[in-house]
Amino acid sequence: MPQPIVPWTPPFIVAVAYNVLLASGLGWALWLLVVQRLPAQMASLTSRAIPIVGVLLAWLILHERPRAWELGGIGLIALVLLSLRRAPAR
């Protein structure tokens, strides 16, 4: 399918640079740092908090109200994280 040609305007270049350097590059660098410094189990569990932070920041910054099912999901994730944190080491 033919697609329109993308105009490489300064705002578009800034948006692409932001997505490549900060959103992707910095995110991956921080994730690799976490995996290097923490055990794999702990690193994977902390990644479960990302959706919670996203919903709460959208609530705080953008004044979006989470729906009941979103709050329920946050509660389930929090329960799993808390139960695994309190589990005795094998």
N, C-alpha and C. Protein backbone atom coordinates (compact mmCIF):
# COMPACT_ATOMS: atom_id res chain seq x y z
N MET A 1 0.83 -1.17 0.00
CA MET A 1 0.00 0.00 0.00
C MET A 1 0.88 1.23 0.00
N PRO A 2 0.57 2.16 -0.84
CA PRO A 2 1.35 3.40 -0.84
C PRO A 2 1.10 4.21 0.43
N GLN A 3 2.17 4.76 0.96
CA GLN A 3 2.10 5.55 2.17
C GLN A 3 2.55 6.97 1.87
N PRO A 4 2.03 7.93 2.62
CA PRO A 4 2.50 9.31 2.41
C PRO A 4 3.95 9.45 2.87
N ILE A 5 4.66 10.36 2.24
CA ILE A 5 6.04 10.63 2.61
C ILE A 5 6.06 11.39 3.93
N VAL A 6 6.93 10.96 4.83
CA VAL A 6 7.02 11.61 6.15
C VAL A 6 7.85 12.89 6.01
N PRO A 7 7.29 14.03 6.39
CA PRO A 7 8.07 15.26 6.35
C PRO A 7 9.01 15.34 7.56
N TRP A 8 10.30 15.46 7.32
CA TRP A 8 11.29 15.51 8.39
C TRP A 8 11.44 16.95 8.88
N THR A 9 10.45 17.39 9.62
CA THR A 9 10.45 18.73 10.18
C THR A 9 11.22 18.72 11.50
N PRO A 10 11.67 19.87 11.98
CA PRO A 10 12.39 19.90 13.26
C PRO A 10 11.61 19.28 14.43
N PRO A 11 10.30 19.54 14.59
CA PRO A 11 9.59 18.89 15.70
C PRO A 11 9.58 17.36 15.56
N PHE A 12 9.47 16.86 14.34
CA PHE A 12 9.48 15.42 14.11
C PHE A 12 10.84 14.82 14.46
N ILE A 13 11.92 15.50 14.08
CA ILE A 13 13.27 15.02 14.39
C ILE A 13 13.49 15.00 15.91
N VAL A 14 13.02 16.02 16.60
CA VAL A 14 13.14 16.06 18.07
C VAL A 14 12.35 14.91 18.69
N ALA A 15 11.16 14.65 18.18
CA ALA A 15 10.35 13.55 18.71
C ALA A 15 11.02 12.21 18.49
N VAL A 16 11.60 12.00 17.31
CA VAL A 16 12.30 10.74 17.04
C VAL A 16 13.53 10.61 17.93
N ALA A 17 14.28 11.69 18.07
CA ALA A 17 15.48 11.65 18.92
C ALA A 17 15.09 11.36 20.37
N TYR A 18 14.02 11.96 20.86
CA TYR A 18 13.55 11.69 22.22
C TYR A 18 13.21 10.21 22.38
N ASN A 19 12.45 9.68 21.43
CA ASN A 19 12.04 8.27 21.53
C ASN A 19 13.22 7.32 21.44
N VAL A 20 14.19 7.63 20.61
CA VAL A 20 15.34 6.74 20.45
C VAL A 20 16.29 6.86 21.64
N LEU A 21 16.66 8.07 21.99
CA LEU A 21 17.69 8.26 23.01
C LEU A 21 17.14 8.12 24.43
N LEU A 22 16.10 8.83 24.75
CA LEU A 22 15.63 8.82 26.13
C LEU A 22 14.69 7.65 26.42
N ALA A 23 13.62 7.56 25.67
CA ALA A 23 12.62 6.55 25.99
C ALA A 23 13.17 5.13 25.83
N SER A 24 13.83 4.87 24.73
CA SER A 24 14.34 3.51 24.50
C SER A 24 15.74 3.32 25.05
N GLY A 25 16.65 4.16 24.67
CA GLY A 25 18.05 3.99 25.06
C GLY A 25 18.27 4.07 26.56
N LEU A 26 17.75 5.10 27.20
CA LEU A 26 17.92 5.26 28.64
C LEU A 26 17.15 4.19 29.40
N GLY A 27 15.98 3.85 28.90
CA GLY A 27 15.20 2.79 29.54
C GLY A 27 15.94 1.46 29.53
N TRP A 28 16.51 1.10 28.39
CA TRP A 28 17.26 -0.16 28.31
C TRP A 28 18.52 -0.11 29.17
N ALA A 29 19.20 1.01 29.18
CA ALA A 29 20.41 1.12 30.00
C ALA A 29 20.08 0.96 31.48
N LEU A 30 18.99 1.57 31.93
CA LEU A 30 18.59 1.43 33.33
C LEU A 30 18.16 0.00 33.63
N TRP A 31 17.44 -0.63 32.71
CA TRP A 31 17.03 -2.02 32.91
C TRP A 31 18.25 -2.93 33.01
N LEU A 32 19.23 -2.74 32.16
CA LEU A 32 20.44 -3.57 32.23
C LEU A 32 21.19 -3.33 33.53
N LEU A 33 21.18 -2.13 34.04
CA LEU A 33 21.80 -1.84 35.32
C LEU A 33 21.07 -2.57 36.46
N VAL A 34 19.74 -2.56 36.42
CA VAL A 34 18.95 -3.28 37.42
C VAL A 34 19.25 -4.77 37.37
N VAL A 35 19.27 -5.34 36.18
CA VAL A 35 19.52 -6.78 36.04
C VAL A 35 20.94 -7.13 36.48
N GLN A 36 21.87 -6.24 36.26
CA GLN A 36 23.26 -6.49 36.67
C GLN A 36 23.39 -6.47 38.19
N ARG A 37 22.67 -5.60 38.86
CA ARG A 37 22.85 -5.41 40.30
C ARG A 37 21.91 -6.24 41.17
N LEU A 38 20.80 -6.69 40.63
CA LEU A 38 19.83 -7.45 41.41
C LEU A 38 19.73 -8.88 40.88
N PRO A 39 19.32 -9.81 41.73
CA PRO A 39 19.05 -11.16 41.23
C PRO A 39 17.90 -11.12 40.22
N ALA A 40 17.89 -12.07 39.32
CA ALA A 40 16.89 -12.08 38.24
C ALA A 40 15.47 -12.10 38.79
N GLN A 41 15.24 -12.85 39.86
CA GLN A 41 13.89 -12.93 40.43
C GLN A 41 13.44 -11.56 40.93
N MET A 42 14.30 -10.86 41.62
CA MET A 42 13.94 -9.54 42.15
C MET A 42 13.75 -8.53 41.00
N ALA A 43 14.61 -8.59 40.00
CA ALA A 43 14.49 -7.67 38.86
C ALA A 43 13.16 -7.89 38.14
N SER A 44 12.77 -9.14 37.96
CA SER A 44 11.51 -9.40 37.26
C SER A 44 10.32 -8.96 38.10
N LEU A 45 10.41 -9.10 39.41
CA LEU A 45 9.30 -8.66 40.26
C LEU A 45 9.16 -7.15 40.27
N THR A 46 10.28 -6.44 40.28
CA THR A 46 10.18 -4.98 40.27
C THR A 46 9.61 -4.45 38.97
N SER A 47 9.79 -5.20 37.88
CA SER A 47 9.22 -4.74 36.61
C SER A 47 7.69 -4.80 36.63
N ARG A 48 7.13 -5.56 37.56
CA ARG A 48 5.66 -5.63 37.68
C ARG A 48 5.08 -4.33 38.22
N ALA A 49 5.90 -3.49 38.80
CA ALA A 49 5.41 -2.22 39.36
C ALA A 49 5.27 -1.14 38.29
N ILE A 50 5.79 -1.35 37.11
CA ILE A 50 5.75 -0.33 36.06
C ILE A 50 4.32 0.07 35.69
N PRO A 51 3.39 -0.88 35.46
CA PRO A 51 2.02 -0.45 35.16
C PRO A 51 1.37 0.33 36.31
N ILE A 52 1.70 -0.05 37.54
CA ILE A 52 1.15 0.67 38.68
C ILE A 52 1.62 2.12 38.68
N VAL A 53 2.90 2.32 38.45
CA VAL A 53 3.46 3.68 38.41
C VAL A 53 2.83 4.47 37.27
N GLY A 54 2.65 3.83 36.11
CA GLY A 54 2.04 4.52 34.97
C GLY A 54 0.63 4.99 35.25
N VAL A 55 -0.18 4.12 35.86
CA VAL A 55 -1.56 4.50 36.17
C VAL A 55 -1.59 5.60 37.23
N LEU A 56 -0.76 5.46 38.25
CA LEU A 56 -0.76 6.47 39.32
C LEU A 56 -0.24 7.83 38.82
N LEU A 57 0.78 7.82 37.96
CA LEU A 57 1.26 9.09 37.41
C LEU A 57 0.24 9.73 36.47
N ALA A 58 -0.49 8.91 35.70
CA ALA A 58 -1.55 9.46 34.85
C ALA A 58 -2.65 10.08 35.71
N TRP A 59 -2.91 9.46 36.85
CA TRP A 59 -3.90 10.00 37.78
C TRP A 59 -3.41 11.33 38.35
N LEU A 60 -2.15 11.37 38.75
CA LEU A 60 -1.60 12.56 39.39
C LEU A 60 -1.38 13.70 38.39
N ILE A 61 -0.73 13.40 37.27
CA ILE A 61 -0.32 14.46 36.35
C ILE A 61 -1.42 14.84 35.36
N LEU A 62 -2.08 13.83 34.79
CA LEU A 62 -3.07 14.08 33.74
C LEU A 62 -4.50 14.12 34.25
N HIS A 63 -4.66 13.90 35.55
CA HIS A 63 -5.98 13.91 36.18
C HIS A 63 -6.92 12.86 35.58
N GLU A 64 -6.35 11.73 35.14
CA GLU A 64 -7.16 10.62 34.67
C GLU A 64 -7.57 9.80 35.88
N ARG A 65 -8.80 9.38 35.89
CA ARG A 65 -9.28 8.58 37.01
C ARG A 65 -9.23 7.10 36.62
N PRO A 66 -8.51 6.31 37.40
CA PRO A 66 -8.47 4.88 37.09
C PRO A 66 -9.84 4.24 37.33
N ARG A 67 -10.18 3.31 36.45
CA ARG A 67 -11.46 2.60 36.59
C ARG A 67 -11.31 1.50 37.63
N ALA A 68 -12.41 0.92 37.95
CA ALA A 68 -12.43 -0.12 38.99
C ALA A 68 -11.54 -1.30 38.62
N TRP A 69 -11.58 -1.71 37.35
CA TRP A 69 -10.76 -2.87 36.96
C TRP A 69 -9.27 -2.54 36.99
N GLU A 70 -8.91 -1.28 36.75
CA GLU A 70 -7.50 -0.88 36.87
C GLU A 70 -7.06 -0.89 38.34
N LEU A 71 -7.90 -0.38 39.21
CA LEU A 71 -7.58 -0.42 40.63
C LEU A 71 -7.51 -1.86 41.13
N GLY A 72 -8.39 -2.71 40.61
CA GLY A 72 -8.34 -4.12 40.97
C GLY A 72 -7.05 -4.77 40.51
N GLY A 73 -6.60 -4.43 39.31
CA GLY A 73 -5.33 -4.95 38.82
C GLY A 73 -4.15 -4.49 39.66
N ILE A 74 -4.17 -3.22 40.05
CA ILE A 74 -3.11 -2.70 40.92
C ILE A 74 -3.11 -3.47 42.24
N GLY A 75 -4.29 -3.72 42.77
CA GLY A 75 -4.39 -4.46 44.02
C GLY A 75 -3.85 -5.88 43.89
N LEU A 76 -4.18 -6.55 42.78
CA LEU A 76 -3.68 -7.91 42.57
C LEU A 76 -2.16 -7.94 42.45
N ILE A 77 -1.62 -7.01 41.69
CA ILE A 77 -0.16 -6.96 41.54
C ILE A 77 0.49 -6.68 42.89
N ALA A 78 -0.07 -5.76 43.66
CA ALA A 78 0.48 -5.45 44.97
C ALA A 78 0.42 -6.67 45.89
N LEU A 79 -0.69 -7.42 45.85
CA LEU A 79 -0.80 -8.63 46.66
C LEU A 79 0.26 -9.66 46.29
N VAL A 80 0.46 -9.85 44.99
CA VAL A 80 1.47 -10.82 44.54
C VAL A 80 2.86 -10.39 44.98
N LEU A 81 3.18 -9.11 44.80
CA LEU A 81 4.50 -8.62 45.19
C LEU A 81 4.72 -8.75 46.70
N LEU A 82 3.71 -8.41 47.46
CA LEU A 82 3.84 -8.50 48.92
C LEU A 82 3.93 -9.95 49.39
N SER A 83 3.15 -10.83 48.77
CA SER A 83 3.20 -12.24 49.19
C SER A 83 4.53 -12.88 48.82
N LEU A 84 5.09 -12.53 47.68
CA LEU A 84 6.37 -13.10 47.30
C LEU A 84 7.50 -12.50 48.13
N ARG A 85 7.34 -11.29 48.54
CA ARG A 85 8.37 -10.64 49.35
C ARG A 85 8.45 -11.28 50.74
N ARG A 86 7.32 -11.71 51.27
CA ARG A 86 7.28 -12.30 52.59
C ARG A 86 7.53 -13.80 52.58
N ALA A 87 7.60 -14.39 51.40
CA ALA A 87 7.82 -15.84 51.32
C ALA A 87 9.22 -16.18 51.83
N PRO A 88 9.36 -17.26 52.61
CA PRO A 88 10.67 -17.63 53.13
C PRO A 88 11.60 -18.08 52.00
N ALA A 89 12.86 -17.80 52.16
CA ALA A 89 13.87 -18.20 51.15
C ALA A 89 14.06 -19.71 51.21
N ARG A 90 14.25 -20.31 50.05
CA ARG A 90 14.47 -21.76 49.98
C ARG A 90 15.91 -22.11 49.96
